[in-house]
């Protein structure tokens, strides 16, 4: 499939595994140049090697997107290496499930404010070059009850933010979208952990899926994300 992405330049935050890694590889396979970041160096550079096999330009930077200075530096480096920026995928999630000050602070800073700050940074670049595309990765948890409140609220904010931004940036030819996936199972992810540590809960959750199967790198989709 040709999605007309050859030569485009994309940033995917949290691109070392799971949804982010799959998106980054999909973009690279379509001929895009890709920059990814993550906190863990080993998984990040493993993903970088896979991206390099696709033949385009690649930049991988260790970065905690919850740190505004680190995020700004990563985006500047990505633009310098790739030459410009056409696509921004805000994928990182704190995955903080505690309903306390720390949980709320972590989800709002990493899921919401990192995406907002990244948009503040790249929108002028996209405007200057004639347009672009921004994608927020939210969750079904932001649409329905049943998930930890701080996590769900942060994902709901991303949905609202994308709607407002889409209208505001349309005149600049910057398209803004959001997707709200269900749970994605992948090696080392939350549901892969449950499969080993809490098989009864894992099986119970799987039983709520009418198709009786999950989506992901090997399996997957449960009701509660990742």
C-alpha atoms as a PDB file:
ATOM      1  CA  UNK A   1       0.000   0.000   0.000  1.00  0.00           C
ATOM      2  CA  UNK A   2       1.325   3.421  -0.972  1.00  0.00           C
ATOM      3  CA  UNK A   3       0.184   6.060   1.529  1.00  0.00           C
ATOM      4  CA  UNK A   4       2.198   8.780  -0.231  1.00  0.00           C
ATOM      5  CA  UNK A   5       4.528   9.149   2.755  1.00  0.00           C
ATOM      6  CA  UNK A   6       7.817   8.642   0.940  1.00  0.00           C
ATOM      7  CA  UNK A   7      10.243  11.375   1.940  1.00  0.00           C
ATOM      8  CA  UNK A   8       8.021  12.713   4.721  1.00  0.00           C
ATOM      9  CA  UNK A   9       9.645  13.276   8.112  1.00  0.00           C
ATOM     10  CA  UNK A  10       7.947  11.987  11.244  1.00  0.00           C
ATOM     11  CA  UNK A  11       8.440  12.012  15.006  1.00  0.00           C
ATOM     12  CA  UNK A  12       6.949   9.277  17.180  1.00  0.00           C
ATOM     13  CA  UNK A  13       7.282   9.699  20.943  1.00  0.00           C
ATOM     14  CA  UNK A  14       7.485   6.456  22.889  1.00  0.00           C
ATOM     15  CA  UNK A  15       8.614   4.708  19.729  1.00  0.00           C
ATOM     16  CA  UNK A  16      10.626   1.873  21.248  1.00  0.00           C
ATOM     17  CA  UNK A  17       7.827  -0.665  21.763  1.00  0.00           C
ATOM     18  CA  UNK A  18       4.135  -1.381  21.476  1.00  0.00           C
ATOM     19  CA  UNK A  19       1.912   1.021  19.556  1.00  0.00           C
ATOM     20  CA  UNK A  20       4.661   3.575  19.046  1.00  0.00           C
ATOM     21  CA  UNK A  21       7.115   1.091  17.614  1.00  0.00           C
ATOM     22  CA  UNK A  22       4.494  -0.313  15.253  1.00  0.00           C
ATOM     23  CA  UNK A  23       3.601   3.173  14.032  1.00  0.00           C
ATOM     24  CA  UNK A  24       7.251   4.116  13.538  1.00  0.00           C
ATOM     25  CA  UNK A  25       7.950   0.932  11.569  1.00  0.00           C
ATOM     26  CA  UNK A  26       4.809   1.437   9.488  1.00  0.00           C
ATOM     27  CA  UNK A  27       5.900   4.955   8.600  1.00  0.00           C
ATOM     28  CA  UNK A  28       9.415   3.785   7.725  1.00  0.00           C
ATOM     29  CA  UNK A  29       8.055   0.985   5.561  1.00  0.00           C
ATOM     30  CA  UNK A  30       6.090   3.616   3.636  1.00  0.00           C
ATOM     31  CA  UNK A  31       9.316   5.503   2.954  1.00  0.00           C
ATOM     32  CA  UNK A  32       9.166   8.145   5.678  1.00  0.00           C
ATOM     33  CA  UNK A  33      12.172   9.329   7.650  1.00  0.00           C
ATOM     34  CA  UNK A  34      11.521   8.708  11.329  1.00  0.00           C
ATOM     35  CA  UNK A  35      12.691  10.004  14.697  1.00  0.00           C
ATOM     36  CA  UNK A  36      11.750   8.160  17.873  1.00  0.00           C
ATOM     37  CA  UNK A  37      12.357   8.675  21.564  1.00  0.00           C
ATOM     38  CA  UNK A  38      11.941   6.677  24.754  1.00  0.00           C
ATOM     39  CA  UNK A  39      13.423   6.562  28.242  1.00  0.00           C
ATOM     40  CA  UNK A  40      14.970   3.092  27.917  1.00  0.00           C
ATOM     41  CA  UNK A  41      18.098   3.029  25.778  1.00  0.00           C
ATOM     42  CA  UNK A  42      18.185  -0.713  25.037  1.00  0.00           C
ATOM     43  CA  UNK A  43      14.671  -0.992  23.614  1.00  0.00           C
ATOM     44  CA  UNK A  44      15.100   2.335  21.834  1.00  0.00           C
ATOM     45  CA  UNK A  45      18.201   1.263  19.960  1.00  0.00           C
ATOM     46  CA  UNK A  46      16.679  -2.109  19.143  1.00  0.00           C
ATOM     47  CA  UNK A  47      13.818  -0.233  17.460  1.00  0.00           C
ATOM     48  CA  UNK A  48      16.328   2.067  15.783  1.00  0.00           C
ATOM     49  CA  UNK A  49      18.053  -0.923  14.175  1.00  0.00           C
ATOM     50  CA  UNK A  50      14.729  -2.160  12.797  1.00  0.00           C
ATOM     51  CA  UNK A  51      13.944   1.270  11.392  1.00  0.00           C
ATOM     52  CA  UNK A  52      17.345   1.555   9.715  1.00  0.00           C
ATOM     53  CA  UNK A  53      16.617  -1.637   7.800  1.00  0.00           C
ATOM     54  CA  UNK A  54      13.893   0.256   5.926  1.00  0.00           C
ATOM     55  CA  UNK A  55      16.471   2.531   4.313  1.00  0.00           C
ATOM     56  CA  UNK A  56      15.376   6.002   5.384  1.00  0.00           C
ATOM     57  CA  UNK A  57      16.933   8.523   7.749  1.00  0.00           C
ATOM     58  CA  UNK A  58      16.471   7.620  11.411  1.00  0.00           C
ATOM     59  CA  UNK A  59      17.082   9.457  14.657  1.00  0.00           C
ATOM     60  CA  UNK A  60      16.643   7.843  18.073  1.00  0.00           C
ATOM     61  CA  UNK A  61      17.062   9.863  21.234  1.00  0.00           C
ATOM     62  CA  UNK A  62      16.793   8.853  24.875  1.00  0.00           C
ATOM     63  CA  UNK A  63      14.286  11.307  26.300  1.00  0.00           C
ATOM     64  CA  UNK A  64      11.824  11.654  29.157  1.00  0.00           C
ATOM     65  CA  UNK A  65       9.072  13.662  27.464  1.00  0.00           C
ATOM     66  CA  UNK A  66       7.789  14.728  30.878  1.00  0.00           C
ATOM     67  CA  UNK A  67      10.889  16.930  31.123  1.00  0.00           C
ATOM     68  CA  UNK A  68      10.151  20.031  28.990  1.00  0.00           C
ATOM     69  CA  UNK A  69      13.833  20.778  28.355  1.00  0.00           C
ATOM     70  CA  UNK A  70      14.584  17.210  27.287  1.00  0.00           C
ATOM     71  CA  UNK A  71      11.553  17.117  24.984  1.00  0.00           C
ATOM     72  CA  UNK A  72      12.511  20.425  23.395  1.00  0.00           C
ATOM     73  CA  UNK A  73      16.043  19.165  22.792  1.00  0.00           C
ATOM     74  CA  UNK A  74      14.832  15.923  21.255  1.00  0.00           C
ATOM     75  CA  UNK A  75      12.497  17.721  18.849  1.00  0.00           C
ATOM     76  CA  UNK A  76      15.222  20.168  17.838  1.00  0.00           C
ATOM     77  CA  UNK A  77      17.617  17.281  17.158  1.00  0.00           C
ATOM     78  CA  UNK A  78      14.984  15.357  15.218  1.00  0.00           C
ATOM     79  CA  UNK A  79      14.333  18.324  12.970  1.00  0.00           C
ATOM     80  CA  UNK A  80      18.038  18.872  12.422  1.00  0.00           C
ATOM     81  CA  UNK A  81      18.696  15.233  11.494  1.00  0.00           C
ATOM     82  CA  UNK A  82      15.591  14.720   9.366  1.00  0.00           C
ATOM     83  CA  UNK A  83      15.640  18.159   7.756  1.00  0.00           C
ATOM     84  CA  UNK A  84      12.051  19.117   8.591  1.00  0.00           C
ATOM     85  CA  UNK A  85       8.997  17.758  10.363  1.00  0.00           C
ATOM     86  CA  UNK A  86       5.764  16.756   8.612  1.00  0.00           C
ATOM     87  CA  UNK A  87       4.221  14.324  11.105  1.00  0.00           C
ATOM     88  CA  UNK A  88       4.042  14.284  14.901  1.00  0.00           C
ATOM     89  CA  UNK A  89       2.689  11.241  16.750  1.00  0.00           C
ATOM     90  CA  UNK A  90       2.169  11.854  20.475  1.00  0.00           C
ATOM     91  CA  UNK A  91       2.161   8.300  21.772  1.00  0.00           C
ATOM     92  CA  UNK A  92       3.868   8.330  25.181  1.00  0.00           C
ATOM     93  CA  UNK A  93       1.811   7.394  28.239  1.00  0.00           C
ATOM     94  CA  UNK A  94       2.767   7.466  31.904  1.00  0.00           C
ATOM     95  CA  UNK A  95       0.435   4.513  32.563  1.00  0.00           C
ATOM     96  CA  UNK A  96       0.051   5.753  36.159  1.00  0.00           C
ATOM     97  CA  UNK A  97      -3.003   4.075  37.646  1.00  0.00           C
ATOM     98  CA  UNK A  98      -2.907   5.345  41.233  1.00  0.00           C
ATOM     99  CA  UNK A  99      -5.726   7.716  42.192  1.00  0.00           C
ATOM    100  CA  UNK A 100      -3.510  10.068  44.163  1.00  0.00           C
ATOM    101  CA  UNK A 101      -1.535  13.279  43.679  1.00  0.00           C
ATOM    102  CA  UNK A 102       1.407  11.481  42.124  1.00  0.00           C
ATOM    103  CA  UNK A 103      -0.762   9.481  39.723  1.00  0.00           C
ATOM    104  CA  UNK A 104      -2.677  12.507  38.520  1.00  0.00           C
ATOM    105  CA  UNK A 105       0.471  14.600  38.209  1.00  0.00           C
ATOM    106  CA  UNK A 106       2.276  11.921  36.201  1.00  0.00           C
ATOM    107  CA  UNK A 107      -0.592  11.279  33.784  1.00  0.00           C
ATOM    108  CA  UNK A 108      -1.278  14.950  33.170  1.00  0.00           C
ATOM    109  CA  UNK A 109       2.397  15.816  32.703  1.00  0.00           C
ATOM    110  CA  UNK A 110       3.394  12.900  30.474  1.00  0.00           C
ATOM    111  CA  UNK A 111       0.211  12.088  28.561  1.00  0.00           C
ATOM    112  CA  UNK A 112      -1.219  15.594  28.250  1.00  0.00           C
ATOM    113  CA  UNK A 113       1.402  18.300  28.710  1.00  0.00           C
ATOM    114  CA  UNK A 114       4.107  16.488  26.756  1.00  0.00           C
ATOM    115  CA  UNK A 115       1.705  16.322  23.802  1.00  0.00           C
ATOM    116  CA  UNK A 116       0.719  19.962  24.249  1.00  0.00           C
ATOM    117  CA  UNK A 117       4.349  21.092  24.490  1.00  0.00           C
ATOM    118  CA  UNK A 118       5.305  19.056  21.422  1.00  0.00           C
ATOM    119  CA  UNK A 119       2.481  20.706  19.482  1.00  0.00           C
ATOM    120  CA  UNK A 120       3.601  24.160  20.607  1.00  0.00           C
ATOM    121  CA  UNK A 121       7.069  23.311  19.325  1.00  0.00           C
ATOM    122  CA  UNK A 122       6.269  21.808  15.940  1.00  0.00           C
ATOM    123  CA  UNK A 123       3.235  23.807  14.788  1.00  0.00           C
ATOM    124  CA  UNK A 124       5.365  26.821  13.747  1.00  0.00           C
ATOM    125  CA  UNK A 125       7.644  24.481  11.779  1.00  0.00           C
ATOM    126  CA  UNK A 126       4.696  22.843  10.033  1.00  0.00           C
ATOM    127  CA  UNK A 127       3.111  26.206   9.305  1.00  0.00           C
ATOM    128  CA  UNK A 128       6.349  27.461   7.779  1.00  0.00           C
ATOM    129  CA  UNK A 129       6.632  24.404   5.522  1.00  0.00           C
ATOM    130  CA  UNK A 130       3.006  24.534   4.373  1.00  0.00           C
ATOM    131  CA  UNK A 131       1.240  21.990   6.574  1.00  0.00           C
ATOM    132  CA  UNK A 132       1.537  18.735   8.420  1.00  0.00           C
ATOM    133  CA  UNK A 133      -0.179  16.090  10.492  1.00  0.00           C
ATOM    134  CA  UNK A 134      -0.492  15.646  14.257  1.00  0.00           C
ATOM    135  CA  UNK A 135      -1.816  12.437  15.814  1.00  0.00           C
ATOM    136  CA  UNK A 136      -2.619  11.914  19.496  1.00  0.00           C
ATOM    137  CA  UNK A 137      -2.778   8.350  20.806  1.00  0.00           C
ATOM    138  CA  UNK A 138      -5.593   8.369  23.356  1.00  0.00           C
ATOM    139  CA  UNK A 139      -7.465   5.297  24.628  1.00  0.00           C
ATOM    140  CA  UNK A 140     -10.886   3.765  24.858  1.00  0.00           C
ATOM    141  CA  UNK A 141     -10.456   4.542  28.540  1.00  0.00           C
ATOM    142  CA  UNK A 142     -10.998   8.197  27.649  1.00  0.00           C
ATOM    143  CA  UNK A 143     -14.430   7.384  26.242  1.00  0.00           C
ATOM    144  CA  UNK A 144     -15.918   4.894  28.703  1.00  0.00           C
ATOM    145  CA  UNK A 145     -15.988   4.295  32.446  1.00  0.00           C
ATOM    146  CA  UNK A 146     -14.099   1.474  34.088  1.00  0.00           C
ATOM    147  CA  UNK A 147     -10.456   2.552  34.023  1.00  0.00           C
ATOM    148  CA  UNK A 148      -8.336   4.258  36.716  1.00  0.00           C
ATOM    149  CA  UNK A 149      -9.644   7.850  36.934  1.00  0.00           C
ATOM    150  CA  UNK A 150      -6.387   9.758  36.468  1.00  0.00           C
ATOM    151  CA  UNK A 151      -5.396   7.706  33.418  1.00  0.00           C
ATOM    152  CA  UNK A 152      -8.886   7.909  31.894  1.00  0.00           C
ATOM    153  CA  UNK A 153      -9.134  11.663  32.459  1.00  0.00           C
ATOM    154  CA  UNK A 154      -5.776  12.304  30.791  1.00  0.00           C
ATOM    155  CA  UNK A 155      -6.827  10.280  27.751  1.00  0.00           C
ATOM    156  CA  UNK A 156     -10.116  12.188  27.583  1.00  0.00           C
ATOM    157  CA  UNK A 157      -8.182  15.459  27.593  1.00  0.00           C
ATOM    158  CA  UNK A 158      -6.241  14.316  24.532  1.00  0.00           C
ATOM    159  CA  UNK A 159      -9.488  13.674  22.673  1.00  0.00           C
ATOM    160  CA  UNK A 160     -10.778  17.144  23.518  1.00  0.00           C
ATOM    161  CA  UNK A 161      -7.455  18.781  22.690  1.00  0.00           C
ATOM    162  CA  UNK A 162      -7.288  17.138  19.283  1.00  0.00           C
ATOM    163  CA  UNK A 163     -10.781  18.363  18.368  1.00  0.00           C
ATOM    164  CA  UNK A 164      -9.997  21.946  19.325  1.00  0.00           C
ATOM    165  CA  UNK A 165      -6.597  21.883  17.653  1.00  0.00           C
ATOM    166  CA  UNK A 166      -8.014  20.405  14.445  1.00  0.00           C
ATOM    167  CA  UNK A 167     -10.317  23.391  13.995  1.00  0.00           C
ATOM    168  CA  UNK A 168      -7.700  25.937  15.019  1.00  0.00           C
ATOM    169  CA  UNK A 169      -4.968  24.604  12.728  1.00  0.00           C
ATOM    170  CA  UNK A 170      -7.009  23.705   9.652  1.00  0.00           C
ATOM    171  CA  UNK A 171      -6.345  27.090   7.993  1.00  0.00           C
ATOM    172  CA  UNK A 172      -2.632  26.331   8.252  1.00  0.00           C
ATOM    173  CA  UNK A 173      -3.168  22.990   6.495  1.00  0.00           C
ATOM    174  CA  UNK A 174      -2.219  21.077   9.633  1.00  0.00           C
ATOM    175  CA  UNK A 175      -4.449  18.049  10.142  1.00  0.00           C
ATOM    176  CA  UNK A 176      -4.999  16.889  13.727  1.00  0.00           C
ATOM    177  CA  UNK A 177      -6.487  13.515  14.615  1.00  0.00           C
ATOM    178  CA  UNK A 178      -6.780  11.235  17.623  1.00  0.00           C
ATOM    179  CA  UNK A 179      -7.243   7.485  17.904  1.00  0.00           C
ATOM    180  CA  UNK A 180      -8.572   5.659  20.965  1.00  0.00           C
ATOM    181  CA  UNK A 181      -7.401   2.033  20.799  1.00  0.00           C
ATOM    182  CA  UNK A 182      -8.345  -0.731  23.158  1.00  0.00           C
ATOM    183  CA  UNK A 183      -5.717  -2.783  24.941  1.00  0.00           C
ATOM    184  CA  UNK A 184      -2.726  -3.813  22.884  1.00  0.00           C
ATOM    185  CA  UNK A 185      -0.723  -6.830  23.984  1.00  0.00           C
ATOM    186  CA  UNK A 186       2.956  -6.958  23.132  1.00  0.00           C
ATOM    187  CA  UNK A 187       6.092  -8.466  24.630  1.00  0.00           C
ATOM    188  CA  UNK A 188       6.896  -6.691  27.869  1.00  0.00           C
ATOM    189  CA  UNK A 189       3.661  -4.689  27.903  1.00  0.00           C
ATOM    190  CA  UNK A 190       0.993  -4.512  30.587  1.00  0.00           C
ATOM    191  CA  UNK A 191      -1.156  -7.371  29.312  1.00  0.00           C
ATOM    192  CA  UNK A 192       1.835  -9.572  28.612  1.00  0.00           C
ATOM    193  CA  UNK A 193       2.786  -9.027  32.262  1.00  0.00           C
ATOM    194  CA  UNK A 194      -0.728  -9.947  33.412  1.00  0.00           C
ATOM    195  CA  UNK A 195      -0.624 -13.067  31.270  1.00  0.00           C
ATOM    196  CA  UNK A 196       2.263 -14.330  33.390  1.00  0.00           C
ATOM    197  CA  UNK A 197       1.625 -12.734  36.786  1.00  0.00           C
ATOM    198  CA  UNK A 198      -2.177 -12.855  36.990  1.00  0.00           C
ATOM    199  CA  UNK A 199      -3.478 -15.427  34.492  1.00  0.00           C
ATOM    200  CA  UNK A 200      -6.947 -15.564  36.069  1.00  0.00           C
ATOM    201  CA  UNK A 201      -7.458 -11.828  35.538  1.00  0.00           C
ATOM    202  CA  UNK A 202      -5.947 -12.071  32.058  1.00  0.00           C
ATOM    203  CA  UNK A 203      -8.330 -14.893  31.107  1.00  0.00           C
ATOM    204  CA  UNK A 204     -11.317 -13.079  32.609  1.00  0.00           C
ATOM    205  CA  UNK A 205     -10.559  -9.949  30.577  1.00  0.00           C
ATOM    206  CA  UNK A 206     -10.064 -11.989  27.438  1.00  0.00           C
ATOM    207  CA  UNK A 207     -13.493 -13.514  28.007  1.00  0.00           C
ATOM    208  CA  UNK A 208     -15.107 -10.084  27.639  1.00  0.00           C
ATOM    209  CA  UNK A 209     -14.037  -9.900  23.987  1.00  0.00           C
ATOM    210  CA  UNK A 210     -16.783 -11.273  21.692  1.00  0.00           C
ATOM    211  CA  UNK A 211     -14.274 -12.492  19.093  1.00  0.00           C
ATOM    212  CA  UNK A 212     -12.318 -14.329  21.749  1.00  0.00           C
ATOM    213  CA  UNK A 213      -8.983 -13.027  20.544  1.00  0.00           C
ATOM    214  CA  UNK A 214      -6.712 -10.059  21.097  1.00  0.00           C
ATOM    215  CA  UNK A 215      -4.744  -7.733  18.876  1.00  0.00           C
ATOM    216  CA  UNK A 216      -1.115  -6.768  19.046  1.00  0.00           C
ATOM    217  CA  UNK A 217       2.335  -7.753  17.898  1.00  0.00           C
ATOM    218  CA  UNK A 218       1.548 -11.417  18.610  1.00  0.00           C
ATOM    219  CA  UNK A 219      -1.961 -11.530  20.040  1.00  0.00           C
ATOM    220  CA  UNK A 220      -4.315  -8.963  21.243  1.00  0.00           C
ATOM    221  CA  UNK A 221      -6.928  -6.424  22.331  1.00  0.00           C
ATOM    222  CA  UNK A 222      -8.377  -6.455  25.732  1.00  0.00           C
ATOM    223  CA  UNK A 223     -10.860  -4.045  27.129  1.00  0.00           C
ATOM    224  CA  UNK A 224      -8.441  -1.899  29.152  1.00  0.00           C
ATOM    225  CA  UNK A 225      -5.634  -0.464  27.085  1.00  0.00           C
ATOM    226  CA  UNK A 226      -2.095  -1.865  26.724  1.00  0.00           C
END
